[in-house]
C-alpha atoms as a PDB file:
ATOM      1  CA  UNK A   1      21.517-162.429-125.100  1.00  0.00           C
ATOM      2  CA  UNK A   2      18.792-164.746-126.365  1.00  0.00           C
ATOM      3  CA  UNK A   3      20.700-167.133-128.616  1.00  0.00           C
ATOM      4  CA  UNK A   4      17.537-168.938-129.725  1.00  0.00           C
ATOM      5  CA  UNK A   5      14.449-167.609-131.573  1.00  0.00           C
ATOM      6  CA  UNK A   6      11.830-167.398-128.918  1.00  0.00           C
ATOM      7  CA  UNK A   7       9.161-168.518-131.377  1.00  0.00           C
ATOM      8  CA  UNK A   8      10.791-171.562-132.957  1.00  0.00           C
ATOM      9  CA  UNK A   9      13.525-172.436-130.414  1.00  0.00           C
ATOM     10  CA  UNK A  10      16.044-172.649-133.178  1.00  0.00           C
ATOM     11  CA  UNK A  11      19.577-171.596-132.504  1.00  0.00           C
ATOM     12  CA  UNK A  12      20.418-168.223-133.958  1.00  0.00           C
ATOM     13  CA  UNK A  13      23.269-168.149-136.427  1.00  0.00           C
ATOM     14  CA  UNK A  14      25.023-165.174-137.909  1.00  0.00           C
ATOM     15  CA  UNK A  15      26.732-165.684-141.255  1.00  0.00           C
ATOM     16  CA  UNK A  16      29.060-163.234-143.157  1.00  0.00           C
ATOM     17  CA  UNK A  17      30.115-164.193-146.655  1.00  0.00           C
ATOM     18  CA  UNK A  18      31.809-162.522-149.619  1.00  0.00           C
ATOM     19  CA  UNK A  19      34.574-162.848-152.108  1.00  0.00           C
ATOM     20  CA  UNK A  20      38.244-163.112-151.218  1.00  0.00           C
ATOM     21  CA  UNK A  21      39.844-159.809-150.347  1.00  0.00           C
ATOM     22  CA  UNK A  22      36.560-157.944-149.798  1.00  0.00           C
ATOM     23  CA  UNK A  23      37.377-157.313-146.123  1.00  0.00           C
ATOM     24  CA  UNK A  24      35.407-160.040-144.210  1.00  0.00           C
ATOM     25  CA  UNK A  25      38.047-160.355-141.459  1.00  0.00           C
ATOM     26  CA  UNK A  26      38.046-156.703-140.532  1.00  0.00           C
ATOM     27  CA  UNK A  27      34.264-156.486-140.388  1.00  0.00           C
ATOM     28  CA  UNK A  28      33.857-159.829-138.542  1.00  0.00           C
ATOM     29  CA  UNK A  29      35.903-158.647-135.564  1.00  0.00           C
ATOM     30  CA  UNK A  30      33.723-155.655-134.995  1.00  0.00           C
ATOM     31  CA  UNK A  31      30.513-157.542-135.565  1.00  0.00           C
ATOM     32  CA  UNK A  32      31.567-160.284-133.177  1.00  0.00           C
ATOM     33  CA  UNK A  33      32.441-157.746-130.474  1.00  0.00           C
ATOM     34  CA  UNK A  34      29.080-156.045-130.875  1.00  0.00           C
ATOM     35  CA  UNK A  35      27.007-159.171-130.878  1.00  0.00           C
ATOM     36  CA  UNK A  36      28.879-161.278-128.248  1.00  0.00           C
ATOM     37  CA  UNK A  37      29.768-163.854-130.901  1.00  0.00           C
ATOM     38  CA  UNK A  38      32.364-166.471-131.444  1.00  0.00           C
ATOM     39  CA  UNK A  39      33.631-166.948-134.995  1.00  0.00           C
ATOM     40  CA  UNK A  40      33.717-170.232-136.889  1.00  0.00           C
ATOM     41  CA  UNK A  41      35.721-170.117-140.081  1.00  0.00           C
ATOM     42  CA  UNK A  42      33.954-171.026-143.189  1.00  0.00           C
ATOM     43  CA  UNK A  43      37.107-171.276-145.276  1.00  0.00           C
ATOM     44  CA  UNK A  44      38.077-174.659-146.662  1.00  0.00           C
ATOM     45  CA  UNK A  45      41.809-174.008-146.447  1.00  0.00           C
ATOM     46  CA  UNK A  46      42.264-172.207-143.167  1.00  0.00           C
ATOM     47  CA  UNK A  47      41.743-175.520-141.491  1.00  0.00           C
ATOM     48  CA  UNK A  48      45.388-176.443-142.412  1.00  0.00           C
ATOM     49  CA  UNK A  49      48.387-175.835-140.122  1.00  0.00           C
ATOM     50  CA  UNK A  50      51.363-174.080-141.742  1.00  0.00           C
ATOM     51  CA  UNK A  51      49.270-172.547-144.448  1.00  0.00           C
ATOM     52  CA  UNK A  52      48.981-168.998-143.183  1.00  0.00           C
ATOM     53  CA  UNK A  53      50.142-166.571-145.804  1.00  0.00           C
ATOM     54  CA  UNK A  54      48.422-168.048-148.786  1.00  0.00           C
ATOM     55  CA  UNK A  55      45.091-168.438-147.001  1.00  0.00           C
ATOM     56  CA  UNK A  56      45.201-164.899-145.474  1.00  0.00           C
ATOM     57  CA  UNK A  57      44.703-166.568-142.087  1.00  0.00           C
ATOM     58  CA  UNK A  58      43.932-164.163-139.232  1.00  0.00           C
ATOM     59  CA  UNK A  59      46.919-163.831-136.967  1.00  0.00           C
ATOM     60  CA  UNK A  60      46.447-164.275-133.139  1.00  0.00           C
ATOM     61  CA  UNK A  61      47.198-160.584-132.481  1.00  0.00           C
ATOM     62  CA  UNK A  62      44.423-159.582-134.836  1.00  0.00           C
ATOM     63  CA  UNK A  63      41.584-161.523-133.157  1.00  0.00           C
ATOM     64  CA  UNK A  64      41.031-158.892-130.466  1.00  0.00           C
ATOM     65  CA  UNK A  65      40.320-161.736-128.040  1.00  0.00           C
ATOM     66  CA  UNK A  66      37.443-163.028-130.122  1.00  0.00           C
ATOM     67  CA  UNK A  67      37.429-166.883-130.137  1.00  0.00           C
ATOM     68  CA  UNK A  68      37.980-168.383-133.589  1.00  0.00           C
ATOM     69  CA  UNK A  69      37.269-171.994-134.446  1.00  0.00           C
ATOM     70  CA  UNK A  70      38.112-174.463-137.288  1.00  0.00           C
ATOM     71  CA  UNK A  71      41.512-172.827-137.885  1.00  0.00           C
ATOM     72  CA  UNK A  72      44.704-174.961-137.762  1.00  0.00           C
ATOM     73  CA  UNK A  73      42.882-178.247-137.090  1.00  0.00           C
ATOM     74  CA  UNK A  74      44.382-180.413-139.783  1.00  0.00           C
ATOM     75  CA  UNK A  75      47.865-181.225-141.207  1.00  0.00           C
ATOM     76  CA  UNK A  76      48.252-180.298-144.904  1.00  0.00           C
ATOM     77  CA  UNK A  77      48.628-184.030-145.811  1.00  0.00           C
ATOM     78  CA  UNK A  78      45.120-184.788-144.567  1.00  0.00           C
ATOM     79  CA  UNK A  79      41.936-184.407-146.669  1.00  0.00           C
ATOM     80  CA  UNK A  80      39.153-182.135-145.504  1.00  0.00           C
ATOM     81  CA  UNK A  81      35.759-181.795-147.172  1.00  0.00           C
ATOM     82  CA  UNK A  82      32.398-180.219-146.854  1.00  0.00           C
ATOM     83  CA  UNK A  83      30.775-183.175-144.923  1.00  0.00           C
ATOM     84  CA  UNK A  84      33.460-182.970-142.247  1.00  0.00           C
ATOM     85  CA  UNK A  85      33.114-179.239-141.925  1.00  0.00           C
ATOM     86  CA  UNK A  86      29.369-179.567-141.605  1.00  0.00           C
ATOM     87  CA  UNK A  87      29.658-182.040-138.768  1.00  0.00           C
ATOM     88  CA  UNK A  88      32.300-180.071-136.840  1.00  0.00           C
ATOM     89  CA  UNK A  89      30.537-176.698-137.324  1.00  0.00           C
ATOM     90  CA  UNK A  90      27.227-178.232-136.112  1.00  0.00           C
ATOM     91  CA  UNK A  91      28.894-179.256-132.924  1.00  0.00           C
ATOM     92  CA  UNK A  92      30.556-175.922-132.372  1.00  0.00           C
ATOM     93  CA  UNK A  93      27.337-174.032-132.969  1.00  0.00           C
ATOM     94  CA  UNK A  94      25.702-176.042-130.217  1.00  0.00           C
ATOM     95  CA  UNK A  95      28.525-175.451-127.828  1.00  0.00           C
ATOM     96  CA  UNK A  96      28.798-171.692-128.503  1.00  0.00           C
ATOM     97  CA  UNK A  97      25.004-171.264-128.050  1.00  0.00           C
ATOM     98  CA  UNK A  98      25.203-173.226-124.766  1.00  0.00           C
ATOM     99  CA  UNK A  99      27.746-170.652-123.511  1.00  0.00           C
ATOM    100  CA  UNK A 100      25.136-167.907-124.252  1.00  0.00           C
ATOM    101  CA  UNK A 101      27.075-166.553-127.131  1.00  0.00           C
ATOM    102  CA  UNK A 102      26.073-166.068-130.793  1.00  0.00           C
ATOM    103  CA  UNK A 103      27.654-168.561-133.290  1.00  0.00           C
ATOM    104  CA  UNK A 104      29.074-166.585-136.219  1.00  0.00           C
ATOM    105  CA  UNK A 105      30.172-168.247-139.481  1.00  0.00           C
ATOM    106  CA  UNK A 106      32.674-166.142-141.531  1.00  0.00           C
ATOM    107  CA  UNK A 107      34.085-167.305-144.853  1.00  0.00           C
ATOM    108  CA  UNK A 108      34.029-167.600-148.603  1.00  0.00           C
ATOM    109  CA  UNK A 109      33.626-171.320-149.204  1.00  0.00           C
ATOM    110  CA  UNK A 110      30.006-171.347-150.513  1.00  0.00           C
ATOM    111  CA  UNK A 111      29.444-175.052-150.545  1.00  0.00           C
ATOM    112  CA  UNK A 112      30.581-175.414-146.910  1.00  0.00           C
ATOM    113  CA  UNK A 113      28.371-172.589-145.676  1.00  0.00           C
ATOM    114  CA  UNK A 114      25.256-173.504-147.640  1.00  0.00           C
ATOM    115  CA  UNK A 115      25.584-177.244-146.654  1.00  0.00           C
ATOM    116  CA  UNK A 116      25.583-176.100-143.044  1.00  0.00           C
ATOM    117  CA  UNK A 117      22.652-173.814-143.347  1.00  0.00           C
ATOM    118  CA  UNK A 118      20.468-176.411-145.139  1.00  0.00           C
ATOM    119  CA  UNK A 119      21.885-179.798-143.968  1.00  0.00           C
ATOM    120  CA  UNK A 120      22.924-181.205-147.347  1.00  0.00           C
ATOM    121  CA  UNK A 121      23.796-184.943-147.271  1.00  0.00           C
ATOM    122  CA  UNK A 122      27.139-185.846-148.755  1.00  0.00           C
ATOM    123  CA  UNK A 123      28.336-188.999-150.459  1.00  0.00           C
ATOM    124  CA  UNK A 124      30.657-191.168-148.404  1.00  0.00           C
ATOM    125  CA  UNK A 125      33.545-191.458-150.858  1.00  0.00           C
ATOM    126  CA  UNK A 126      37.107-191.238-149.415  1.00  0.00           C
ATOM    127  CA  UNK A 127      39.754-189.372-151.366  1.00  0.00           C
ATOM    128  CA  UNK A 128      41.737-191.440-153.877  1.00  0.00           C
ATOM    129  CA  UNK A 129      45.003-189.597-154.459  1.00  0.00           C
ATOM    130  CA  UNK A 130      46.019-191.857-157.323  1.00  0.00           C
ATOM    131  CA  UNK A 131      42.913-191.114-159.365  1.00  0.00           C
ATOM    132  CA  UNK A 132      43.137-187.428-158.431  1.00  0.00           C
ATOM    133  CA  UNK A 133      46.649-187.076-159.619  1.00  0.00           C
ATOM    134  CA  UNK A 134      45.799-188.729-162.897  1.00  0.00           C
ATOM    135  CA  UNK A 135      42.855-186.376-163.435  1.00  0.00           C
ATOM    136  CA  UNK A 136      45.014-183.352-162.557  1.00  0.00           C
ATOM    137  CA  UNK A 137      47.619-184.449-165.019  1.00  0.00           C
ATOM    138  CA  UNK A 138      44.857-184.843-167.680  1.00  0.00           C
ATOM    139  CA  UNK A 139      43.690-181.263-166.970  1.00  0.00           C
ATOM    140  CA  UNK A 140      47.249-179.935-167.291  1.00  0.00           C
ATOM    141  CA  UNK A 141      47.791-181.675-170.542  1.00  0.00           C
ATOM    142  CA  UNK A 142      44.393-181.250-172.200  1.00  0.00           C
ATOM    143  CA  UNK A 143      42.850-178.260-170.490  1.00  0.00           C
ATOM    144  CA  UNK A 144      39.852-177.627-168.164  1.00  0.00           C
ATOM    145  CA  UNK A 145      37.297-177.904-170.946  1.00  0.00           C
ATOM    146  CA  UNK A 146      38.407-181.392-171.881  1.00  0.00           C
ATOM    147  CA  UNK A 147      38.282-182.424-168.198  1.00  0.00           C
ATOM    148  CA  UNK A 148      34.800-180.986-167.874  1.00  0.00           C
ATOM    149  CA  UNK A 149      33.664-182.912-170.938  1.00  0.00           C
ATOM    150  CA  UNK A 150      34.840-186.139-169.299  1.00  0.00           C
ATOM    151  CA  UNK A 151      32.618-185.234-166.380  1.00  0.00           C
ATOM    152  CA  UNK A 152      29.688-184.431-168.617  1.00  0.00           C
ATOM    153  CA  UNK A 153      29.960-187.956-170.101  1.00  0.00           C
ATOM    154  CA  UNK A 154      29.660-189.695-166.684  1.00  0.00           C
ATOM    155  CA  UNK A 155      27.768-187.228-164.509  1.00  0.00           C
ATOM    156  CA  UNK A 156      25.824-184.694-166.579  1.00  0.00           C
ATOM    157  CA  UNK A 157      24.096-183.269-163.535  1.00  0.00           C
ATOM    158  CA  UNK A 158      27.356-182.385-161.777  1.00  0.00           C
ATOM    159  CA  UNK A 159      28.820-181.013-164.986  1.00  0.00           C
ATOM    160  CA  UNK A 160      25.870-178.696-165.377  1.00  0.00           C
ATOM    161  CA  UNK A 161      26.417-177.410-161.895  1.00  0.00           C
ATOM    162  CA  UNK A 162      30.193-176.984-161.997  1.00  0.00           C
ATOM    163  CA  UNK A 163      32.002-174.412-164.129  1.00  0.00           C
ATOM    164  CA  UNK A 164      34.754-175.834-166.388  1.00  0.00           C
ATOM    165  CA  UNK A 165      37.309-173.566-164.667  1.00  0.00           C
ATOM    166  CA  UNK A 166      36.426-174.932-161.188  1.00  0.00           C
ATOM    167  CA  UNK A 167      38.928-177.773-161.863  1.00  0.00           C
ATOM    168  CA  UNK A 168      39.223-178.801-158.148  1.00  0.00           C
ATOM    169  CA  UNK A 169      35.535-179.683-157.917  1.00  0.00           C
ATOM    170  CA  UNK A 170      35.435-181.168-161.413  1.00  0.00           C
ATOM    171  CA  UNK A 171      38.295-183.441-160.424  1.00  0.00           C
ATOM    172  CA  UNK A 172      36.483-184.433-157.175  1.00  0.00           C
ATOM    173  CA  UNK A 173      33.288-185.288-159.053  1.00  0.00           C
ATOM    174  CA  UNK A 174      35.197-187.389-161.504  1.00  0.00           C
ATOM    175  CA  UNK A 175      37.187-188.963-158.686  1.00  0.00           C
ATOM    176  CA  UNK A 176      33.913-190.118-157.055  1.00  0.00           C
ATOM    177  CA  UNK A 177      32.465-191.419-160.340  1.00  0.00           C
ATOM    178  CA  UNK A 178      35.553-193.323-161.233  1.00  0.00           C
ATOM    179  CA  UNK A 179      36.309-194.586-157.776  1.00  0.00           C
ATOM    180  CA  UNK A 180      32.792-195.638-156.884  1.00  0.00           C
ATOM    181  CA  UNK A 181      31.134-196.314-160.180  1.00  0.00           C
ATOM    182  CA  UNK A 182      28.333-193.896-159.317  1.00  0.00           C
ATOM    183  CA  UNK A 183      27.847-190.296-160.166  1.00  0.00           C
ATOM    184  CA  UNK A 184      28.369-187.778-157.337  1.00  0.00           C
ATOM    185  CA  UNK A 185      25.026-186.158-158.158  1.00  0.00           C
ATOM    186  CA  UNK A 186      23.303-189.500-157.608  1.00  0.00           C
ATOM    187  CA  UNK A 187      25.077-190.004-154.280  1.00  0.00           C
ATOM    188  CA  UNK A 188      24.033-186.596-152.933  1.00  0.00           C
ATOM    189  CA  UNK A 189      20.614-186.638-151.450  1.00  0.00           C
ATOM    190  CA  UNK A 190      18.723-183.365-151.941  1.00  0.00           C
ATOM    191  CA  UNK A 191      21.776-181.297-152.878  1.00  0.00           C
ATOM    192  CA  UNK A 192      20.733-177.617-153.108  1.00  0.00           C
ATOM    193  CA  UNK A 193      17.041-178.568-152.956  1.00  0.00           C
ATOM    194  CA  UNK A 194      14.862-176.243-150.903  1.00  0.00           C
ATOM    195  CA  UNK A 195      14.637-177.428-147.321  1.00  0.00           C
ATOM    196  CA  UNK A 196      14.099-175.798-143.934  1.00  0.00           C
ATOM    197  CA  UNK A 197      17.211-174.739-142.186  1.00  0.00           C
ATOM    198  CA  UNK A 198      17.758-176.072-138.640  1.00  0.00           C
ATOM    199  CA  UNK A 199      18.968-172.605-137.712  1.00  0.00           C
ATOM    200  CA  UNK A 200      17.432-169.174-137.424  1.00  0.00           C
ATOM    201  CA  UNK A 201      20.167-167.551-139.511  1.00  0.00           C
ATOM    202  CA  UNK A 202      21.024-163.978-140.630  1.00  0.00           C
ATOM    203  CA  UNK A 203      22.972-164.133-143.882  1.00  0.00           C
ATOM    204  CA  UNK A 204      24.997-161.048-144.864  1.00  0.00           C
ATOM    205  CA  UNK A 205      27.164-160.737-147.968  1.00  0.00           C
ATOM    206  CA  UNK A 206      29.826-158.156-148.628  1.00  0.00           C
ATOM    207  CA  UNK A 207      30.344-156.928-152.171  1.00  0.00           C
ATOM    208  CA  UNK A 208      32.118-154.070-153.903  1.00  0.00           C
ATOM    209  CA  UNK A 209      32.893-152.687-157.273  1.00  0.00           C
ATOM    210  CA  UNK A 210      34.575-155.388-159.364  1.00  0.00           C
ATOM    211  CA  UNK A 211      37.537-153.232-160.585  1.00  0.00           C
ATOM    212  CA  UNK A 212      38.266-152.135-156.974  1.00  0.00           C
ATOM    213  CA  UNK A 213      38.014-155.753-155.771  1.00  0.00           C
ATOM    214  CA  UNK A 214      40.348-156.993-158.507  1.00  0.00           C
ATOM    215  CA  UNK A 215      42.828-154.234-157.601  1.00  0.00           C
ATOM    216  CA  UNK A 216      42.627-155.291-153.948  1.00  0.00           C
ATOM    217  CA  UNK A 217      43.270-158.907-155.008  1.00  0.00           C
ATOM    218  CA  UNK A 218      46.317-157.972-156.969  1.00  0.00           C
ATOM    219  CA  UNK A 219      47.725-155.954-154.081  1.00  0.00           C
ATOM    220  CA  UNK A 220      47.005-158.749-151.647  1.00  0.00           C
ATOM    221  CA  UNK A 221      48.942-161.226-153.820  1.00  0.00           C
ATOM    222  CA  UNK A 222      51.892-158.796-153.962  1.00  0.00           C
ATOM    223  CA  UNK A 223      51.711-158.562-150.164  1.00  0.00           C
ATOM    224  CA  UNK A 224      51.665-162.288-149.810  1.00  0.00           C
ATOM    225  CA  UNK A 225      54.763-162.632-151.858  1.00  0.00           C
ATOM    226  CA  UNK A 226      56.397-159.930-149.827  1.00  0.00           C
ATOM    227  CA  UNK A 227      55.405-161.704-146.632  1.00  0.00           C
ATOM    228  CA  UNK A 228      57.107-164.951-147.711  1.00  0.00           C
ATOM    229  CA  UNK A 229      54.515-167.030-149.592  1.00  0.00           C
ATOM    230  CA  UNK A 230      57.248-168.762-151.726  1.00  0.00           C
ATOM    231  CA  UNK A 231      59.052-169.875-148.565  1.00  0.00           C
ATOM    232  CA  UNK A 232      55.819-171.110-147.012  1.00  0.00           C
ATOM    233  CA  UNK A 233      55.198-173.311-150.069  1.00  0.00           C
ATOM    234  CA  UNK A 234      58.811-174.475-150.048  1.00  0.00           C
ATOM    235  CA  UNK A 235      58.437-175.567-146.420  1.00  0.00           C
ATOM    236  CA  UNK A 236      55.334-177.545-147.145  1.00  0.00           C
ATOM    237  CA  UNK A 237      57.054-179.403-150.039  1.00  0.00           C
ATOM    238  CA  UNK A 238      60.092-179.995-147.840  1.00  0.00           C
ATOM    239  CA  UNK A 239      58.059-181.606-145.146  1.00  0.00           C
ATOM    240  CA  UNK A 240      56.661-184.040-147.707  1.00  0.00           C
ATOM    241  CA  UNK A 241      53.275-182.602-148.560  1.00  0.00           C
ATOM    242  CA  UNK A 242      52.621-183.879-152.135  1.00  0.00           C
ATOM    243  CA  UNK A 243      51.620-181.257-154.812  1.00  0.00           C
ATOM    244  CA  UNK A 244      48.506-183.325-155.485  1.00  0.00           C
ATOM    245  CA  UNK A 245      47.265-183.104-151.865  1.00  0.00           C
ATOM    246  CA  UNK A 246      44.001-181.208-151.323  1.00  0.00           C
ATOM    247  CA  UNK A 247      45.766-178.517-149.432  1.00  0.00           C
ATOM    248  CA  UNK A 248      48.391-177.934-152.054  1.00  0.00           C
ATOM    249  CA  UNK A 249      45.650-177.530-154.741  1.00  0.00           C
ATOM    250  CA  UNK A 250      44.528-174.328-153.025  1.00  0.00           C
ATOM    251  CA  UNK A 251      44.799-171.049-154.814  1.00  0.00           C
ATOM    252  CA  UNK A 252      48.005-169.475-153.590  1.00  0.00           C
ATOM    253  CA  UNK A 253      49.831-172.749-153.415  1.00  0.00           C
ATOM    254  CA  UNK A 254      49.248-174.650-156.674  1.00  0.00           C
ATOM    255  CA  UNK A 255      50.572-171.574-158.600  1.00  0.00           C
ATOM    256  CA  UNK A 256      53.786-171.323-156.688  1.00  0.00           C
ATOM    257  CA  UNK A 257      54.623-175.059-156.784  1.00  0.00           C
ATOM    258  CA  UNK A 258      55.848-174.978-160.516  1.00  0.00           C
ATOM    259  CA  UNK A 259      58.335-172.262-159.611  1.00  0.00           C
ATOM    260  CA  UNK A 260      59.887-174.528-156.995  1.00  0.00           C
ATOM    261  CA  UNK A 261      59.652-177.833-158.790  1.00  0.00           C
ATOM    262  CA  UNK A 262      60.008-176.929-162.444  1.00  0.00           C
ATOM    263  CA  UNK A 263      61.822-173.647-162.436  1.00  0.00           C
ATOM    264  CA  UNK A 264      58.896-171.668-163.853  1.00  0.00           C
ATOM    265  CA  UNK A 265      59.659-167.889-163.564  1.00  0.00           C
ATOM    266  CA  UNK A 266      58.162-166.473-160.381  1.00  0.00           C
ATOM    267  CA  UNK A 267      56.741-163.466-162.209  1.00  0.00           C
ATOM    268  CA  UNK A 268      54.636-165.892-164.344  1.00  0.00           C
ATOM    269  CA  UNK A 269      53.410-167.743-161.284  1.00  0.00           C
ATOM    270  CA  UNK A 270      52.412-164.473-159.601  1.00  0.00           C
ATOM    271  CA  UNK A 271      50.411-163.362-162.622  1.00  0.00           C
ATOM    272  CA  UNK A 272      48.771-166.785-162.756  1.00  0.00           C
ATOM    273  CA  UNK A 273      47.938-166.534-159.030  1.00  0.00           C
ATOM    274  CA  UNK A 274      46.329-163.090-159.526  1.00  0.00           C
ATOM    275  CA  UNK A 275      44.276-164.329-162.469  1.00  0.00           C
ATOM    276  CA  UNK A 276      43.139-167.452-160.677  1.00  0.00           C
ATOM    277  CA  UNK A 277      42.176-165.446-157.612  1.00  0.00           C
ATOM    278  CA  UNK A 278      40.141-162.983-159.618  1.00  0.00           C
ATOM    279  CA  UNK A 279      38.324-165.899-161.296  1.00  0.00           C
ATOM    280  CA  UNK A 280      37.670-167.499-157.951  1.00  0.00           C
ATOM    281  CA  UNK A 281      36.227-164.262-156.516  1.00  0.00           C
ATOM    282  CA  UNK A 282      33.860-164.182-159.518  1.00  0.00           C
ATOM    283  CA  UNK A 283      32.733-167.737-158.834  1.00  0.00           C
ATOM    284  CA  UNK A 284      32.274-166.971-155.130  1.00  0.00           C
ATOM    285  CA  UNK A 285      29.960-164.042-155.946  1.00  0.00           C
ATOM    286  CA  UNK A 286      27.994-166.231-158.380  1.00  0.00           C
ATOM    287  CA  UNK A 287      27.468-168.873-155.668  1.00  0.00           C
ATOM    288  CA  UNK A 288      26.425-166.387-152.930  1.00  0.00           C
ATOM    289  CA  UNK A 289      24.011-164.566-155.253  1.00  0.00           C
ATOM    290  CA  UNK A 290      22.054-167.823-155.660  1.00  0.00           C
ATOM    291  CA  UNK A 291      21.625-168.221-151.869  1.00  0.00           C
ATOM    292  CA  UNK A 292      18.163-167.410-150.503  1.00  0.00           C
ATOM    293  CA  UNK A 293      17.711-164.621-147.968  1.00  0.00           C
ATOM    294  CA  UNK A 294      21.145-163.018-148.325  1.00  0.00           C
ATOM    295  CA  UNK A 295      21.335-159.309-147.487  1.00  0.00           C
ATOM    296  CA  UNK A 296      24.059-157.444-149.418  1.00  0.00           C
ATOM    297  CA  UNK A 297      26.198-154.551-148.128  1.00  0.00           C
ATOM    298  CA  UNK A 298      28.295-152.678-150.599  1.00  0.00           C
ATOM    299  CA  UNK A 299      31.659-151.894-149.002  1.00  0.00           C
ATOM    300  CA  UNK A 300      33.316-150.306-152.036  1.00  0.00           C
ATOM    301  CA  UNK A 301      34.131-147.039-150.277  1.00  0.00           C
ATOM    302  CA  UNK A 302      36.746-148.092-147.718  1.00  0.00           C
ATOM    303  CA  UNK A 303      36.554-144.694-146.078  1.00  0.00           C
ATOM    304  CA  UNK A 304      33.033-145.424-144.913  1.00  0.00           C
ATOM    305  CA  UNK A 305      33.900-148.446-142.771  1.00  0.00           C
ATOM    306  CA  UNK A 306      31.800-147.183-139.817  1.00  0.00           C
ATOM    307  CA  UNK A 307      28.740-146.520-141.980  1.00  0.00           C
ATOM    308  CA  UNK A 308      29.061-150.052-143.632  1.00  0.00           C
ATOM    309  CA  UNK A 309      29.330-151.521-140.128  1.00  0.00           C
ATOM    310  CA  UNK A 310      26.210-149.694-138.914  1.00  0.00           C
ATOM    311  CA  UNK A 311      24.301-151.006-141.949  1.00  0.00           C
ATOM    312  CA  UNK A 312      25.386-154.487-141.009  1.00  0.00           C
ATOM    313  CA  UNK A 313      24.285-154.014-137.394  1.00  0.00           C
ATOM    314  CA  UNK A 314      20.933-152.792-138.613  1.00  0.00           C
ATOM    315  CA  UNK A 315      20.417-155.904-140.689  1.00  0.00           C
ATOM    316  CA  UNK A 316      21.240-158.072-137.693  1.00  0.00           C
ATOM    317  CA  UNK A 317      19.004-156.077-135.372  1.00  0.00           C
ATOM    318  CA  UNK A 318      16.192-156.372-137.835  1.00  0.00           C
ATOM    319  CA  UNK A 319      16.542-160.118-138.112  1.00  0.00           C
ATOM    320  CA  UNK A 320      17.005-160.737-134.393  1.00  0.00           C
ATOM    321  CA  UNK A 321      14.519-158.094-133.291  1.00  0.00           C
ATOM    322  CA  UNK A 322      14.411-158.996-129.590  1.00  0.00           C
ATOM    323  CA  UNK A 323      18.232-158.323-129.528  1.00  0.00           C
ATOM    324  CA  UNK A 324      17.956-154.764-130.747  1.00  0.00           C
ATOM    325  CA  UNK A 325      18.865-152.197-128.166  1.00  0.00           C
END
């Protein structure tokens, strides 16, 4: 397989994105098998060890022997951000291509994936857990809108880019502004500005009817609870992972913490988790729809898996023409 574009010499990169619960994992295995690919996770939370159920992390027996990278590489106490993902993924892409295999990014964290495709430059601002905890308490006491208004006062550009409900990233932008005295938008060079990608990439997005997706999300949450999500969060807290840590702010974890630390009824936490996951899926789709060159495949009809897969293969073959059989 030619893993470089014969005209430009750029490494070819396959990318599969989509909202949570749309079925990326199932499709990715078959795609990787067909195109001799190795998978690099593009999920911001699957990097953490011990966070398996809440992140819907692929199990070893489900990989079908396909190599997976950037999974279980950090302890939950450690911060991990887009800039670090970008650096690690770049290295892996080169290594995979050197083996004669196709690098394949699969995930739902839009910022991570777009930063890799276009080489965004990120501000060097270490995490400040004290400031972050204060901002999170402010959001809990006064609401997401009030937090977003604080960001608007110090960093209007970031506030315009971030939705008020995206509390995690609003907190991070405020954390940078407070901790460094400079707006995050001012520290990011060329963020989301058009630039040439260092890769010859094929970007495919999975989508489906919203009502069906939301039903899948609800059923997935129920399955996570049945599989032991509460015990997983309990173990993380017991080992000393603070609730304000980046990992514990992930959807699936932050909703369960109040049940264990404050006695909030589990049924209320579950409903909150379902609601937050649906909102997250909506934000994911909004992000991906803004990305240039994305080719969408509607996978609403689960009974047509093979047909959907063939449509994906056709897109890849059309992009990497010399690889078509």
